Amino acid sequence: EPNETFSLNLTRVSGPTNATATGIGTINNDDGIPTLVINDVTVVPGSSGTTNAIFNVTLSPSATENVTVGYSTVDVTAEAGVDYLPQSGNLTFTPGGPLTQQITVPVLGSATPSADETFWINLSGESPNAVIGDDRGVATIVRQGFTTSNINVIEGNAGTSAAVFTI
């Protein structure tokens, strides 16, 4: 909440008078300004369909006025429309309402093995009665590809020994 002021008016003063008959008092806000933060997520989508990346945006402490913040996805190594469905919009936190809201980004499955990929959710345009403490949520898309195991082979003294890897 903002600092608050009040006044004290002196009336019916007897005897010598003072030219200042009104005093102003200020109550300083010591609760701290509400701060917005967003988390990072890791998603392991399947080979088809979608899996949701769910980001939590948290306001702390609670606010006495509405707090609004914008968000939008940004490509890093993942590509919007190919690896995930881009999202943008606004979140509004109301006094007495939930202190955490979610942003859901559908991540698209892929049957093609590839390296892990990332995209961001950026927070911006917060209300003047709040600040952004962490403006970027990072999504890591863990793509399932081929892996192999390590093996040990005893070579023996004659002939050949098979080295069998599991893929």
C-alpha atoms as a PDB file:
ATOM      1  CA  GLU A   1       0.000   0.000   0.000  1.00  0.00           C
ATOM      2  CA  PRO A   2       1.199   3.560  -0.496  1.00  0.00           C
ATOM      3  CA  ASN A   3       2.227   5.872   2.348  1.00  0.00           C
ATOM      4  CA  GLU A   4      -0.819   7.394   4.037  1.00  0.00           C
ATOM      5  CA  THR A   5      -1.278  10.832   5.577  1.00  0.00           C
ATOM      6  CA  PHE A   6      -3.665  12.368   8.074  1.00  0.00           C
ATOM      7  CA  SER A   7      -4.010  15.796   9.607  1.00  0.00           C
ATOM      8  CA  LEU A   8      -4.546  17.069  13.134  1.00  0.00           C
ATOM      9  CA  ASN A   9      -6.374  20.386  13.416  1.00  0.00           C
ATOM     10  CA  LEU A  10      -6.126  22.356  16.648  1.00  0.00           C
ATOM     11  CA  THR A  11      -9.325  24.197  17.546  1.00  0.00           C
ATOM     12  CA  ARG A  12     -10.507  26.344  20.483  1.00  0.00           C
ATOM     13  CA  VAL A  13      -6.994  27.270  21.539  1.00  0.00           C
ATOM     14  CA  SER A  14      -6.926  29.632  24.543  1.00  0.00           C
ATOM     15  CA  GLY A  15      -4.071  31.875  25.447  1.00  0.00           C
ATOM     16  CA  PRO A  16      -1.209  32.604  23.053  1.00  0.00           C
ATOM     17  CA  THR A  17      -1.892  31.136  19.617  1.00  0.00           C
ATOM     18  CA  ASN A  18       0.460  29.520  17.185  1.00  0.00           C
ATOM     19  CA  ALA A  19       0.216  30.363  13.507  1.00  0.00           C
ATOM     20  CA  THR A  20       0.295  26.622  12.688  1.00  0.00           C
ATOM     21  CA  ALA A  21      -2.943  25.046  13.809  1.00  0.00           C
ATOM     22  CA  THR A  22      -2.692  21.958  11.571  1.00  0.00           C
ATOM     23  CA  GLY A  23      -0.152  19.134  11.801  1.00  0.00           C
ATOM     24  CA  ILE A  24       0.337  16.478   9.108  1.00  0.00           C
ATOM     25  CA  GLY A  25       1.127  12.887  10.061  1.00  0.00           C
ATOM     26  CA  THR A  26       2.496  10.293   7.616  1.00  0.00           C
ATOM     27  CA  ILE A  27       2.193   6.532   8.003  1.00  0.00           C
ATOM     28  CA  ASN A  28       5.096   5.046   6.018  1.00  0.00           C
ATOM     29  CA  ASN A  29       4.469   1.812   4.164  1.00  0.00           C
ATOM     30  CA  ASP A  30       6.748  -0.863   5.595  1.00  0.00           C
ATOM     31  CA  ASP A  31       5.167  -3.854   3.856  1.00  0.00           C
ATOM     32  CA  GLY A  32       7.402  -3.661   0.787  1.00  0.00           C
ATOM     33  CA  ILE A  33       6.217  -3.249  -2.761  1.00  0.00           C
ATOM     34  CA  PRO A  34       4.512  -6.314  -4.270  1.00  0.00           C
ATOM     35  CA  THR A  35       6.943  -8.275  -6.455  1.00  0.00           C
ATOM     36  CA  LEU A  36       6.184 -10.638  -9.354  1.00  0.00           C
ATOM     37  CA  VAL A  37       8.320 -13.720 -10.076  1.00  0.00           C
ATOM     38  CA  ILE A  38       8.004 -16.581 -12.588  1.00  0.00           C
ATOM     39  CA  ASN A  39       9.463 -20.088 -12.312  1.00  0.00           C
ATOM     40  CA  ASP A  40      11.384 -22.231 -14.820  1.00  0.00           C
ATOM     41  CA  VAL A  41       9.971 -25.525 -16.121  1.00  0.00           C
ATOM     42  CA  THR A  42      11.163 -28.732 -17.773  1.00  0.00           C
ATOM     43  CA  VAL A  43       8.854 -30.651 -20.102  1.00  0.00           C
ATOM     44  CA  VAL A  44       9.297 -34.127 -21.576  1.00  0.00           C
ATOM     45  CA  PRO A  45       6.766 -34.372 -24.421  1.00  0.00           C
ATOM     46  CA  GLY A  46       5.938 -37.634 -26.115  1.00  0.00           C
ATOM     47  CA  SER A  47       6.377 -38.484 -29.773  1.00  0.00           C
ATOM     48  CA  SER A  48       2.960 -36.997 -30.621  1.00  0.00           C
ATOM     49  CA  GLY A  49       0.218 -34.828 -29.122  1.00  0.00           C
ATOM     50  CA  THR A  50       0.911 -32.029 -26.635  1.00  0.00           C
ATOM     51  CA  THR A  51       2.261 -31.763 -23.110  1.00  0.00           C
ATOM     52  CA  ASN A  52       1.686 -28.556 -21.164  1.00  0.00           C
ATOM     53  CA  ALA A  53       4.513 -26.439 -19.808  1.00  0.00           C
ATOM     54  CA  ILE A  54       2.941 -24.747 -16.782  1.00  0.00           C
ATOM     55  CA  PHE A  55       4.606 -21.605 -15.442  1.00  0.00           C
ATOM     56  CA  ASN A  56       3.669 -20.171 -12.027  1.00  0.00           C
ATOM     57  CA  VAL A  57       3.654 -16.387 -11.649  1.00  0.00           C
ATOM     58  CA  THR A  58       3.624 -15.371  -7.978  1.00  0.00           C
ATOM     59  CA  LEU A  59       2.926 -11.993  -6.365  1.00  0.00           C
ATOM     60  CA  SER A  60       4.384 -11.348  -2.911  1.00  0.00           C
ATOM     61  CA  PRO A  61       3.332  -9.699  -0.667  1.00  0.00           C
ATOM     62  CA  SER A  62      -0.312  -9.306  -1.601  1.00  0.00           C
ATOM     63  CA  ALA A  63      -1.414  -5.963  -3.026  1.00  0.00           C
ATOM     64  CA  THR A  64      -4.211  -3.631  -1.981  1.00  0.00           C
ATOM     65  CA  GLU A  65      -4.822  -2.635  -5.611  1.00  0.00           C
ATOM     66  CA  ASN A  66      -5.078  -4.661  -8.827  1.00  0.00           C
ATOM     67  CA  VAL A  67      -1.695  -5.693 -10.235  1.00  0.00           C
ATOM     68  CA  THR A  68      -1.459  -6.466 -13.951  1.00  0.00           C
ATOM     69  CA  VAL A  69       1.501  -7.923 -15.852  1.00  0.00           C
ATOM     70  CA  GLY A  70       1.897  -8.908 -19.492  1.00  0.00           C
ATOM     71  CA  TYR A  71       3.576 -12.068 -20.790  1.00  0.00           C
ATOM     72  CA  SER A  72       4.710 -13.526 -24.106  1.00  0.00           C
ATOM     73  CA  THR A  73       6.729 -16.491 -25.339  1.00  0.00           C
ATOM     74  CA  VAL A  74      10.095 -15.998 -27.061  1.00  0.00           C
ATOM     75  CA  ASP A  75      11.987 -18.507 -29.222  1.00  0.00           C
ATOM     76  CA  VAL A  76      15.462 -19.464 -28.059  1.00  0.00           C
ATOM     77  CA  THR A  77      16.361 -22.826 -29.624  1.00  0.00           C
ATOM     78  CA  ALA A  78      12.744 -24.029 -29.812  1.00  0.00           C
ATOM     79  CA  GLU A  79      10.549 -22.662 -32.599  1.00  0.00           C
ATOM     80  CA  ALA A  80       7.013 -21.374 -32.026  1.00  0.00           C
ATOM     81  CA  GLY A  81       4.467 -23.348 -34.038  1.00  0.00           C
ATOM     82  CA  VAL A  82       6.909 -26.238 -34.524  1.00  0.00           C
ATOM     83  CA  ASP A  83       7.994 -27.109 -30.977  1.00  0.00           C
ATOM     84  CA  TYR A  84       5.396 -25.239 -28.898  1.00  0.00           C
ATOM     85  CA  LEU A  85       2.311 -23.069 -29.368  1.00  0.00           C
ATOM     86  CA  PRO A  86       3.132 -19.396 -28.692  1.00  0.00           C
ATOM     87  CA  GLN A  87       1.214 -17.600 -25.935  1.00  0.00           C
ATOM     88  CA  SER A  88       0.775 -13.983 -24.870  1.00  0.00           C
ATOM     89  CA  GLY A  89      -1.627 -12.043 -22.692  1.00  0.00           C
ATOM     90  CA  ASN A  90      -2.052 -10.409 -19.308  1.00  0.00           C
ATOM     91  CA  LEU A  91      -2.488 -11.653 -15.759  1.00  0.00           C
ATOM     92  CA  THR A  92      -4.375  -9.583 -13.187  1.00  0.00           C
ATOM     93  CA  PHE A  93      -3.954 -10.137  -9.453  1.00  0.00           C
ATOM     94  CA  THR A  94      -6.818  -8.719  -7.385  1.00  0.00           C
ATOM     95  CA  PRO A  95      -6.723  -7.746  -3.685  1.00  0.00           C
ATOM     96  CA  GLY A  96      -7.633 -10.802  -1.624  1.00  0.00           C
ATOM     97  CA  GLY A  97      -7.352 -13.056  -4.692  1.00  0.00           C
ATOM     98  CA  PRO A  98      -4.877 -15.875  -5.366  1.00  0.00           C
ATOM     99  CA  LEU A  99      -1.213 -14.894  -5.131  1.00  0.00           C
ATOM    100  CA  THR A 100      -0.167 -17.411  -7.817  1.00  0.00           C
ATOM    101  CA  GLN A 101      -1.501 -17.664 -11.359  1.00  0.00           C
ATOM    102  CA  GLN A 102      -0.503 -20.018 -14.142  1.00  0.00           C
ATOM    103  CA  ILE A 103       0.498 -19.602 -17.767  1.00  0.00           C
ATOM    104  CA  THR A 104       0.056 -22.777 -19.832  1.00  0.00           C
ATOM    105  CA  VAL A 105       2.072 -23.317 -23.003  1.00  0.00           C
ATOM    106  CA  PRO A 106       1.326 -26.463 -25.063  1.00  0.00           C
ATOM    107  CA  VAL A 107       4.548 -28.222 -26.126  1.00  0.00           C
ATOM    108  CA  LEU A 108       4.274 -30.318 -29.273  1.00  0.00           C
ATOM    109  CA  GLY A 109       5.449 -33.918 -29.351  1.00  0.00           C
ATOM    110  CA  SER A 110       7.948 -35.034 -31.974  1.00  0.00           C
ATOM    111  CA  ALA A 111       8.884 -38.465 -33.297  1.00  0.00           C
ATOM    112  CA  THR A 112      12.144 -37.036 -34.671  1.00  0.00           C
ATOM    113  CA  PRO A 113      15.076 -37.266 -32.249  1.00  0.00           C
ATOM    114  CA  SER A 114      16.731 -33.910 -31.582  1.00  0.00           C
ATOM    115  CA  ALA A 115      18.703 -32.033 -28.976  1.00  0.00           C
ATOM    116  CA  ASP A 116      16.931 -30.435 -26.018  1.00  0.00           C
ATOM    117  CA  GLU A 117      15.344 -27.072 -26.867  1.00  0.00           C
ATOM    118  CA  THR A 118      14.351 -23.965 -24.923  1.00  0.00           C
ATOM    119  CA  PHE A 119      11.952 -21.046 -25.073  1.00  0.00           C
ATOM    120  CA  TRP A 120      11.208 -18.217 -22.663  1.00  0.00           C
ATOM    121  CA  ILE A 121       8.173 -16.539 -21.173  1.00  0.00           C
ATOM    122  CA  ASN A 122       8.969 -12.861 -20.590  1.00  0.00           C
ATOM    123  CA  LEU A 123       7.006 -10.749 -18.103  1.00  0.00           C
ATOM    124  CA  SER A 124       6.612  -7.049 -18.885  1.00  0.00           C
ATOM    125  CA  GLY A 125       4.461  -3.964 -18.393  1.00  0.00           C
ATOM    126  CA  GLU A 126       3.710  -4.411 -14.704  1.00  0.00           C
ATOM    127  CA  SER A 127       1.354  -2.064 -12.892  1.00  0.00           C
ATOM    128  CA  PRO A 128       2.972   0.951 -11.200  1.00  0.00           C
ATOM    129  CA  ASN A 129       2.072  -0.536  -7.810  1.00  0.00           C
ATOM    130  CA  ALA A 130       4.327  -3.618  -8.286  1.00  0.00           C
ATOM    131  CA  VAL A 131       7.754  -4.598  -9.623  1.00  0.00           C
ATOM    132  CA  ILE A 132       9.013  -7.631 -11.517  1.00  0.00           C
ATOM    133  CA  GLY A 133      11.651  -9.501  -9.514  1.00  0.00           C
ATOM    134  CA  ASP A 134      12.220 -12.276 -12.095  1.00  0.00           C
ATOM    135  CA  ASP A 135      11.100 -11.319 -15.588  1.00  0.00           C
ATOM    136  CA  ARG A 136      11.935 -14.554 -17.439  1.00  0.00           C
ATOM    137  CA  GLY A 137      10.710 -18.121 -17.117  1.00  0.00           C
ATOM    138  CA  VAL A 138      12.822 -20.664 -19.005  1.00  0.00           C
ATOM    139  CA  ALA A 139      11.212 -23.774 -20.505  1.00  0.00           C
ATOM    140  CA  THR A 140      13.478 -26.690 -21.347  1.00  0.00           C
ATOM    141  CA  ILE A 141      11.990 -29.231 -23.744  1.00  0.00           C
ATOM    142  CA  VAL A 142      13.725 -32.569 -23.191  1.00  0.00           C
ATOM    143  CA  ARG A 143      13.578 -34.413 -26.485  1.00  0.00           C
ATOM    144  CA  GLN A 144      13.876 -38.143 -26.302  1.00  0.00           C
ATOM    145  CA  GLY A 145      16.456 -39.393 -28.739  1.00  0.00           C
ATOM    146  CA  PHE A 146      18.749 -42.332 -29.048  1.00  0.00           C
ATOM    147  CA  THR A 147      20.953 -43.345 -26.158  1.00  0.00           C
ATOM    148  CA  THR A 148      23.417 -46.149 -25.732  1.00  0.00           C
ATOM    149  CA  SER A 149      24.867 -47.895 -22.752  1.00  0.00           C
ATOM    150  CA  ASN A 150      28.536 -48.280 -21.894  1.00  0.00           C
ATOM    151  CA  ILE A 151      29.957 -51.785 -21.964  1.00  0.00           C
ATOM    152  CA  ASN A 152      33.036 -53.702 -20.878  1.00  0.00           C
ATOM    153  CA  VAL A 153      34.375 -56.596 -22.976  1.00  0.00           C
ATOM    154  CA  ILE A 154      36.930 -59.152 -21.914  1.00  0.00           C
ATOM    155  CA  GLU A 155      39.179 -59.578 -24.898  1.00  0.00           C
ATOM    156  CA  GLY A 156      40.318 -63.160 -24.271  1.00  0.00           C
ATOM    157  CA  ASN A 157      43.496 -64.809 -25.648  1.00  0.00           C
ATOM    158  CA  ALA A 158      42.200 -66.057 -28.983  1.00  0.00           C
ATOM    159  CA  GLY A 159      39.401 -65.443 -31.443  1.00  0.00           C
ATOM    160  CA  THR A 160      36.974 -62.539 -31.225  1.00  0.00           C
ATOM    161  CA  SER A 161      34.771 -61.184 -28.482  1.00  0.00           C
ATOM    162  CA  ALA A 162      31.517 -59.400 -29.346  1.00  0.00           C
ATOM    163  CA  ALA A 163      30.950 -55.877 -28.090  1.00  0.00           C
ATOM    164  CA  VAL A 164      27.176 -55.522 -27.796  1.00  0.00           C
ATOM    165  CA  PHE A 165      25.688 -52.055 -27.247  1.00  0.00           C
ATOM    166  CA  THR A 166      22.063 -51.508 -26.295  1.00  0.00           C
ATOM    167  CA  ILE A 167      20.464 -48.603 -28.158  1.00  0.00           C
END
